Amino acid sequence: MQKRILVSTRKGLFELGKAAKGWAVKTASFLGDNVTLALHDPRDGTDYAAINHGHFGIKLHRRDKDKKKWVEIASPKYPEKPEGLVDKDGWGRDVKWSTQLIWALETGGPKQNGTLWAGTMPGGLFRSDDRGTSWHLIETLWHHPDRNKWLGGGADIPGIHSICVDPRDPNTLRVAVSCGGVWRTQDAGKTWIQSAHGMSFDDGPKSEAESPDAQDPHMMVQSPSDPAKFWVQHHAGIFKSVDDAKTWTRVRATPSSFGFGVVVHPKDPNTAWFVPGIKDEKRIPVGGALIVTRTKDGGKTFKSLKKGLPQKHAYDLIFRHALALDDTGRKLAMGSTTGNMWVSENSGDAWNMVSGTLPPVHAIRFAN
């Protein structure tokens, strides 16, 4: 049972536990530092925290099970850019061969103790087989000729923000790239196939709007109970796949299909949750009312869940990693860029505010 919640914020990592009156902040680490992401590894109980120190760079820390002390470990690092190499992104700008952000952290397969995956800006995928003591860049994806088509999303830098390690085969991965589509490997990264076919934007020339390399998935999740099924919260709406992420179909939701986060029930691939916003130019709740939408029938219908959430003058933005679901499928947690955080104990039917005074929330994870 997952008894903790790791909350990564602009000014520290906060750990929540269950108290007599509900969830509450128990401890804080890295106070004042920009903690962008945290990971709990259920295989050995290790916690990881990624920090963006700005001018001083990206750092990664590890805390072993039942320990209080965090220790700095290696961070994913790009090789030196070859002299004279012209490397441009889809906008025609020079690509920086340096880690700008650790945007995704995931464990390897259940029998791959110590294996971790990291997705970064500017679009590199890294692997570690020694609990982050060392990392190596997956060069086949980094040197793929189509990488230079990637555009990048809100940060205008291409980045890998979603990594799905297939529970049937840890050598099969799908990664989602901001304005770079979805990429699939079945041989641990030796070869890659673009896998965003069927995704599309709502405007622009058809050839560009439907180009797999131009698609902007905001978040991608894989069903643990039926691994052939995936959900994506895309810049232009919601998409789902029922064929191992080879093709995608659009799903329409109300009051909006725009958003960032998505989670899928651990035992039911047809049940998923989203947090809608108005649209790209207005990244706030529709009508100033914060809601979570849930489908239980694979996207045919959606229910708006709002009990306990602010329904007037709410301008909370929930980032892609700031909506989390526990391994029972009943507890959800989400935090916003305004420092508000809520937890639901009943699949989103009702929400309780945990705090209204946290720093801006980047990411949330349930942990053992």
Protein backbone atom coordinates (compact mmCIF):
# COMPACT_ATOMS: atom_id res chain seq x y z
CA MET A 1 0.00 0.00 0.00
CA GLN A 2 1.27 3.47 -0.91
CA LYS A 3 1.32 5.55 2.26
CA ARG A 4 3.26 8.61 1.09
CA ILE A 5 2.88 11.33 -1.50
CA LEU A 6 5.97 13.02 -2.93
CA VAL A 7 5.26 16.61 -4.01
CA SER A 8 7.92 18.29 -6.16
CA THR A 9 7.69 22.08 -6.06
CA ARG A 10 9.47 25.26 -7.03
CA LYS A 11 10.90 25.53 -3.53
CA GLY A 12 11.44 22.02 -2.26
CA LEU A 13 10.28 18.43 -2.03
CA PHE A 14 7.42 17.87 0.41
CA GLU A 15 6.40 14.43 1.68
CA LEU A 16 2.84 13.86 2.78
CA GLY A 17 1.52 11.14 5.03
CA LYS A 18 -1.88 10.14 6.35
CA ALA A 19 -2.77 11.82 9.64
CA ALA A 20 -5.83 11.50 11.88
CA LYS A 21 -7.60 14.28 9.99
CA GLY A 22 -6.37 13.32 6.53
CA TRP A 23 -3.23 13.87 4.50
CA ALA A 24 -0.68 16.37 5.79
CA VAL A 25 2.88 17.52 5.10
CA LYS A 26 5.26 15.45 7.23
CA THR A 27 8.73 16.42 6.02
CA ALA A 28 10.43 18.79 3.61
CA SER A 29 13.73 18.41 1.76
CA PHE A 30 15.77 20.73 -0.46
CA LEU A 31 13.94 23.79 0.87
CA GLY A 32 14.39 26.73 -1.46
CA ASP A 33 15.54 24.55 -4.35
CA ASN A 34 13.58 23.95 -7.54
CA VAL A 35 12.67 20.25 -7.32
CA THR A 36 11.20 19.41 -10.70
CA LEU A 37 10.53 15.67 -10.35
CA ALA A 38 10.65 12.80 -7.86
CA LEU A 39 10.50 9.04 -8.27
CA HIS A 40 9.90 6.20 -5.82
CA ASP A 41 11.26 2.82 -6.87
CA PRO A 42 9.02 0.11 -5.34
CA ARG A 43 11.55 -2.59 -6.24
CA ASP A 44 14.00 -1.55 -3.52
CA GLY A 45 12.36 1.41 -1.75
CA THR A 46 14.73 4.05 -3.14
CA ASP A 47 13.60 7.64 -3.70
CA TYR A 48 15.04 9.97 -6.36
CA ALA A 49 14.75 13.74 -6.71
CA ALA A 50 15.71 15.92 -9.68
CA ILE A 51 16.64 19.54 -9.03
CA ASN A 52 17.11 22.43 -11.42
CA HIS A 53 19.69 24.80 -9.92
CA GLY A 54 19.48 27.19 -12.87
CA HIS A 55 22.94 28.62 -13.48
CA PHE A 56 24.50 25.75 -11.49
CA GLY A 57 22.82 23.07 -13.57
CA ILE A 58 20.73 19.95 -13.15
CA LYS A 59 21.35 17.67 -10.16
CA LEU A 60 19.96 14.27 -9.21
CA HIS A 61 19.76 12.89 -5.67
CA ARG A 62 19.03 9.48 -4.20
CA ARG A 63 17.78 8.36 -0.79
CA ASP A 64 17.95 4.69 0.14
CA LYS A 65 15.10 2.89 1.86
CA ASP A 66 14.58 3.87 5.52
CA LYS A 67 17.32 6.50 5.28
CA LYS A 68 16.91 10.20 5.95
CA LYS A 69 19.95 11.46 4.09
CA TRP A 70 19.89 12.32 0.41
CA VAL A 71 23.11 11.85 -1.57
CA GLU A 72 23.94 13.44 -4.88
CA ILE A 73 24.42 10.98 -7.73
CA ALA A 74 25.27 11.35 -11.40
CA SER A 75 22.90 13.29 -13.63
CA PRO A 76 22.20 12.47 -17.27
CA LYS A 77 24.92 14.23 -19.23
CA TYR A 78 25.26 14.77 -22.95
CA PRO A 79 28.54 14.13 -24.75
CA GLU A 80 30.50 16.98 -26.22
CA LYS A 81 28.99 18.21 -29.45
CA PRO A 82 31.30 17.22 -32.32
CA GLU A 83 33.22 20.17 -33.66
CA GLY A 84 31.73 21.53 -36.84
CA LEU A 85 28.44 19.60 -36.48
CA VAL A 86 25.38 21.56 -37.60
CA ASP A 87 22.51 20.45 -35.36
CA LYS A 88 19.26 22.38 -35.67
CA ASP A 89 15.81 21.69 -34.22
CA GLY A 90 12.54 21.98 -36.12
CA TRP A 91 12.56 25.74 -35.64
CA GLY A 92 16.00 26.03 -37.18
CA ARG A 93 17.69 26.88 -33.89
CA ASP A 94 20.94 25.39 -32.65
CA VAL A 95 20.44 22.41 -30.32
CA LYS A 96 22.33 22.67 -27.03
CA TRP A 97 24.04 19.39 -26.15
CA SER A 98 23.52 19.88 -22.41
CA THR A 99 20.83 18.81 -19.96
CA GLN A 100 18.31 21.60 -19.53
CA LEU A 101 15.76 19.60 -17.52
CA ILE A 102 15.09 16.07 -16.29
CA TRP A 103 11.49 15.81 -17.47
CA ALA A 104 10.77 12.11 -16.94
CA LEU A 105 12.02 9.45 -14.51
CA GLU A 106 10.82 5.85 -14.63
CA THR A 107 11.98 2.47 -13.36
CA GLY A 108 12.88 -0.43 -15.60
CA GLY A 109 11.17 -3.81 -15.48
CA PRO A 110 10.39 -5.53 -12.16
CA LYS A 111 13.35 -7.90 -12.59
CA GLN A 112 15.74 -5.15 -13.71
CA ASN A 113 16.81 -3.99 -10.26
CA GLY A 114 18.75 -0.76 -10.56
CA THR A 115 17.57 0.09 -14.08
CA LEU A 116 16.20 3.61 -14.52
CA TRP A 117 15.14 5.68 -17.51
CA ALA A 118 15.31 9.46 -17.78
CA GLY A 119 13.85 11.77 -20.39
CA THR A 120 15.35 15.21 -20.74
CA MET A 121 15.30 18.49 -22.55
CA PRO A 122 16.62 18.87 -25.27
CA GLY A 123 15.18 15.48 -26.27
CA GLY A 124 17.61 12.85 -25.04
CA LEU A 125 16.69 9.51 -23.47
CA PHE A 126 19.11 8.10 -20.89
CA ARG A 127 19.45 4.75 -19.15
CA SER A 128 21.12 3.76 -15.90
CA ASP A 129 21.66 0.19 -14.70
CA ASP A 130 23.20 1.09 -11.35
CA ARG A 131 20.57 3.21 -9.60
CA GLY A 132 21.73 6.44 -11.18
CA THR A 133 25.41 6.05 -10.34
CA SER A 134 26.07 6.40 -14.08
CA TRP A 135 23.96 7.15 -17.16
CA HIS A 136 24.36 6.62 -20.87
CA LEU A 137 22.60 8.39 -23.68
CA ILE A 138 20.49 6.26 -26.05
CA GLU A 139 22.35 7.43 -29.11
CA THR A 140 20.11 5.68 -31.64
CA LEU A 141 17.27 8.06 -30.77
CA TRP A 142 19.49 11.11 -30.28
CA HIS A 143 21.11 10.59 -33.68
CA HIS A 144 17.88 9.64 -35.44
CA PRO A 145 17.55 11.92 -38.49
CA ASP A 146 13.96 12.80 -37.59
CA ARG A 147 15.03 14.33 -34.27
CA ASN A 148 15.83 17.52 -36.12
CA LYS A 149 12.12 17.86 -36.92
CA TRP A 150 11.18 18.14 -33.24
CA LEU A 151 9.90 21.59 -32.30
CA GLY A 152 9.41 21.68 -28.56
CA GLY A 153 6.35 22.80 -26.62
CA GLY A 154 5.82 25.64 -24.15
CA ALA A 155 9.52 25.78 -23.32
CA ASP A 156 10.35 25.86 -27.05
CA ILE A 157 12.86 23.08 -26.42
CA PRO A 158 12.09 19.51 -27.51
CA GLY A 159 11.94 17.19 -24.54
CA ILE A 160 10.96 13.66 -23.52
CA HIS A 161 8.35 13.91 -20.76
CA SER A 162 6.66 10.49 -20.82
CA ILE A 163 8.30 7.05 -20.71
CA CYS A 164 6.21 3.87 -20.73
CA VAL A 165 8.13 0.68 -20.00
CA ASP A 166 6.00 -2.22 -21.18
CA PRO A 167 5.09 -4.53 -18.26
CA ARG A 168 5.15 -7.50 -20.66
CA ASP A 169 8.67 -6.82 -21.91
CA PRO A 170 11.06 -4.24 -20.40
CA ASN A 171 12.89 -3.96 -23.75
CA THR A 172 9.76 -2.42 -25.25
CA LEU A 173 9.33 1.28 -24.53
CA ARG A 174 7.28 4.17 -25.81
CA VAL A 175 8.40 7.73 -25.23
CA ALA A 176 6.45 10.92 -25.87
CA VAL A 177 8.20 14.06 -27.09
CA SER A 178 6.93 17.63 -26.94
CA CYS A 179 6.13 18.45 -30.57
CA GLY A 180 8.04 15.34 -31.61
CA GLY A 181 5.39 12.63 -31.50
CA VAL A 182 5.55 9.19 -29.92
CA TRP A 183 8.50 6.83 -30.44
CA ARG A 184 8.51 3.07 -29.97
CA THR A 185 11.33 0.57 -29.52
CA GLN A 186 11.09 -3.19 -29.03
CA ASP A 187 14.81 -3.84 -28.59
CA ALA A 188 15.77 -1.62 -25.64
CA GLY A 189 16.53 1.34 -27.88
CA LYS A 190 18.54 -0.22 -30.70
CA THR A 191 15.89 0.82 -33.24
CA TRP A 192 13.01 3.30 -33.13
CA ILE A 193 9.72 3.78 -34.99
CA GLN A 194 7.58 6.92 -35.02
CA SER A 195 4.26 5.95 -33.47
CA ALA A 196 2.02 9.05 -33.41
CA HIS A 197 -0.07 8.04 -36.41
CA GLY A 198 -3.67 9.23 -36.08
CA MET A 199 -2.89 12.20 -33.84
CA SER A 200 -3.64 15.58 -35.36
CA PHE A 201 -4.03 19.27 -34.68
CA ASP A 202 -7.28 21.06 -35.43
CA ASP A 203 -5.93 23.67 -37.82
CA GLY A 204 -3.20 24.31 -40.35
CA PRO A 205 -2.43 22.48 -43.59
CA LYS A 206 -3.48 18.83 -43.36
CA SER A 207 0.01 17.58 -44.18
CA GLU A 208 1.40 19.50 -41.19
CA ALA A 209 -1.57 19.01 -38.85
CA GLU A 210 -1.39 15.23 -39.25
CA SER A 211 2.38 14.83 -39.45
CA PRO A 212 3.44 12.33 -36.74
CA ASP A 213 6.72 14.18 -36.17
CA ALA A 214 4.86 17.42 -35.36
CA GLN A 215 2.46 16.00 -32.77
CA ASP A 216 2.53 17.42 -29.26
CA PRO A 217 1.48 14.83 -26.67
CA HIS A 218 1.35 16.51 -23.27
CA MET A 219 1.30 13.24 -21.31
CA MET A 220 1.13 9.53 -22.20
CA VAL A 221 0.17 6.61 -19.94
CA GLN A 222 -0.07 2.87 -20.51
CA SER A 223 -2.68 0.60 -18.97
CA PRO A 224 -1.04 -1.82 -16.49
CA SER A 225 -3.90 -4.31 -16.80
CA ASP A 226 -4.17 -4.22 -20.60
CA PRO A 227 -0.79 -2.98 -21.85
CA ALA A 228 -1.92 -2.70 -25.47
CA LYS A 229 -4.05 0.29 -24.46
CA PHE A 230 -2.73 3.83 -24.04
CA TRP A 231 -4.12 7.28 -23.29
CA VAL A 232 -2.59 10.59 -24.36
CA GLN A 233 -3.51 14.10 -23.30
CA HIS A 234 -2.47 15.99 -26.42
CA HIS A 235 -2.14 19.70 -27.08
CA ALA A 236 -5.14 19.40 -29.41
CA GLY A 237 -7.25 17.04 -27.32
CA ILE A 238 -7.43 13.51 -25.96
CA PHE A 239 -6.32 10.45 -27.92
CA LYS A 240 -6.34 6.74 -27.14
CA SER A 241 -4.74 3.66 -28.67
CA VAL A 242 -5.84 0.04 -28.44
CA ASP A 243 -3.08 -1.44 -30.61
CA ASP A 244 0.14 -0.97 -28.64
CA ALA A 245 0.38 2.75 -29.47
CA LYS A 246 0.74 2.06 -33.17
CA THR A 247 -2.29 4.18 -34.12
CA TRP A 248 -4.44 6.69 -32.26
CA THR A 249 -8.05 7.88 -32.32
CA ARG A 250 -9.42 11.15 -31.01
CA VAL A 251 -11.73 11.28 -27.99
CA ARG A 252 -14.03 14.24 -27.35
CA ALA A 253 -14.62 15.40 -23.79
CA THR A 254 -16.62 18.18 -22.17
CA PRO A 255 -16.23 20.92 -21.09
CA SER A 256 -12.85 20.76 -22.85
CA SER A 257 -10.37 18.24 -24.22
CA PHE A 258 -7.36 20.50 -23.59
CA GLY A 259 -5.13 19.83 -20.61
CA PHE A 260 -1.87 18.30 -19.45
CA GLY A 261 -2.28 15.42 -17.01
CA VAL A 262 -3.82 11.99 -17.49
CA VAL A 263 -3.85 8.86 -15.32
CA VAL A 264 -5.35 5.43 -16.06
CA HIS A 265 -6.87 2.96 -13.61
CA PRO A 266 -4.46 0.13 -12.73
CA LYS A 267 -7.11 -2.57 -13.27
CA ASP A 268 -9.45 -1.01 -15.85
CA PRO A 269 -7.99 0.38 -19.10
CA ASN A 270 -11.27 2.14 -19.93
CA THR A 271 -11.18 4.34 -16.81
CA ALA A 272 -9.02 7.44 -16.98
CA TRP A 273 -8.90 10.92 -15.44
CA PHE A 274 -8.03 14.33 -16.93
CA VAL A 275 -7.93 17.97 -15.75
CA PRO A 276 -9.34 20.23 -18.48
CA GLY A 277 -8.39 23.81 -19.28
CA ILE A 278 -9.81 26.24 -21.81
CA LYS A 279 -7.13 26.06 -24.48
CA ASP A 280 -3.48 26.80 -25.20
CA GLU A 281 -3.89 30.58 -25.06
CA LYS A 282 -5.93 30.35 -21.83
CA ARG A 283 -4.40 27.70 -19.60
CA ILE A 284 -6.97 28.04 -16.84
CA PRO A 285 -10.09 26.07 -15.84
CA VAL A 286 -13.18 26.57 -17.97
CA GLY A 287 -15.36 29.27 -16.40
CA GLY A 288 -12.97 29.62 -13.46
CA ALA A 289 -14.25 26.31 -12.05
CA LEU A 290 -11.67 23.60 -11.36
CA ILE A 291 -12.90 20.11 -12.25
CA VAL A 292 -11.51 16.68 -13.00
CA THR A 293 -13.11 14.65 -15.78
CA ARG A 294 -13.38 10.86 -15.65
CA THR A 295 -14.38 8.32 -18.24
CA LYS A 296 -15.31 4.75 -17.36
CA ASP A 297 -16.21 3.58 -20.86
CA GLY A 298 -13.09 4.23 -22.89
CA GLY A 299 -13.94 7.83 -23.72
CA LYS A 300 -17.54 7.44 -24.88
CA THR A 301 -18.77 9.58 -21.97
CA PHE A 302 -17.15 11.78 -19.32
CA LYS A 303 -18.28 12.84 -15.87
CA SER A 304 -17.20 16.15 -14.31
CA LEU A 305 -15.95 15.69 -10.76
CA LYS A 306 -16.01 18.88 -8.73
CA LYS A 307 -17.07 18.19 -5.13
CA GLY A 308 -14.53 19.87 -2.86
CA LEU A 309 -12.85 21.79 -5.69
CA PRO A 310 -13.12 25.60 -6.09
CA GLN A 311 -15.90 26.59 -8.48
CA LYS A 312 -15.39 30.35 -8.62
CA HIS A 313 -12.30 32.34 -9.62
CA ALA A 314 -10.09 29.25 -9.74
CA TYR A 315 -7.12 29.69 -12.06
CA ASP A 316 -5.13 26.61 -11.12
CA LEU A 317 -3.01 24.97 -13.80
CA ILE A 318 -2.21 21.29 -13.23
CA PHE A 319 1.05 20.33 -14.93
CA ARG A 320 1.40 16.99 -16.75
CA HIS A 321 3.13 15.25 -13.83
CA ALA A 322 1.01 16.91 -11.14
CA LEU A 323 -1.93 14.49 -11.35
CA ALA A 324 -1.28 11.11 -9.71
CA LEU A 325 -3.16 7.90 -8.97
CA ASP A 326 -2.23 5.26 -6.41
CA ASP A 327 -1.92 1.55 -7.14
CA THR A 328 -5.43 0.79 -5.83
CA GLY A 329 -7.07 3.09 -8.35
CA ARG A 330 -9.02 4.92 -5.63
CA LYS A 331 -6.69 7.61 -4.33
CA LEU A 332 -5.86 10.58 -6.55
CA ALA A 333 -3.73 13.61 -5.80
CA MET A 334 -3.13 16.79 -7.76
CA GLY A 335 -1.29 20.04 -7.20
CA SER A 336 -1.38 23.33 -9.06
CA THR A 337 0.94 26.11 -10.11
CA THR A 338 -0.73 28.33 -7.50
CA GLY A 339 0.39 26.03 -4.69
CA ASN A 340 -2.93 24.34 -4.02
CA MET A 341 -3.14 20.58 -3.48
CA TRP A 342 -6.05 18.18 -3.23
CA VAL A 343 -6.49 14.47 -2.52
CA SER A 344 -9.44 12.22 -3.33
CA GLU A 345 -10.01 8.93 -1.51
CA ASN A 346 -12.90 7.78 -3.73
CA SER A 347 -11.73 7.87 -7.33
CA GLY A 348 -12.32 11.60 -7.70
CA ASP A 349 -15.94 11.72 -6.59
CA ALA A 350 -14.94 14.10 -3.77
CA TRP A 351 -11.78 16.08 -3.06
CA ASN A 352 -10.18 17.43 0.11
CA MET A 353 -7.73 20.33 0.11
CA VAL A 354 -4.44 19.33 1.71
CA SER A 355 -2.73 22.70 1.43
CA GLY A 356 -3.24 26.11 -0.12
CA THR A 357 0.20 27.43 0.73
CA LEU A 358 2.65 25.16 -1.08
CA PRO A 359 5.07 26.56 -3.66
CA PRO A 360 4.07 26.00 -7.31
CA VAL A 361 3.70 22.24 -7.80
CA HIS A 362 5.63 20.57 -10.63
CA ALA A 363 4.92 16.90 -9.99
CA ILE A 364 3.24 14.43 -7.64
CA ARG A 365 3.93 10.73 -6.98
CA PHE A 366 2.43 8.19 -4.61
CA ALA A 367 5.06 6.13 -2.78
CA ASN A 368 5.27 3.17 -0.44
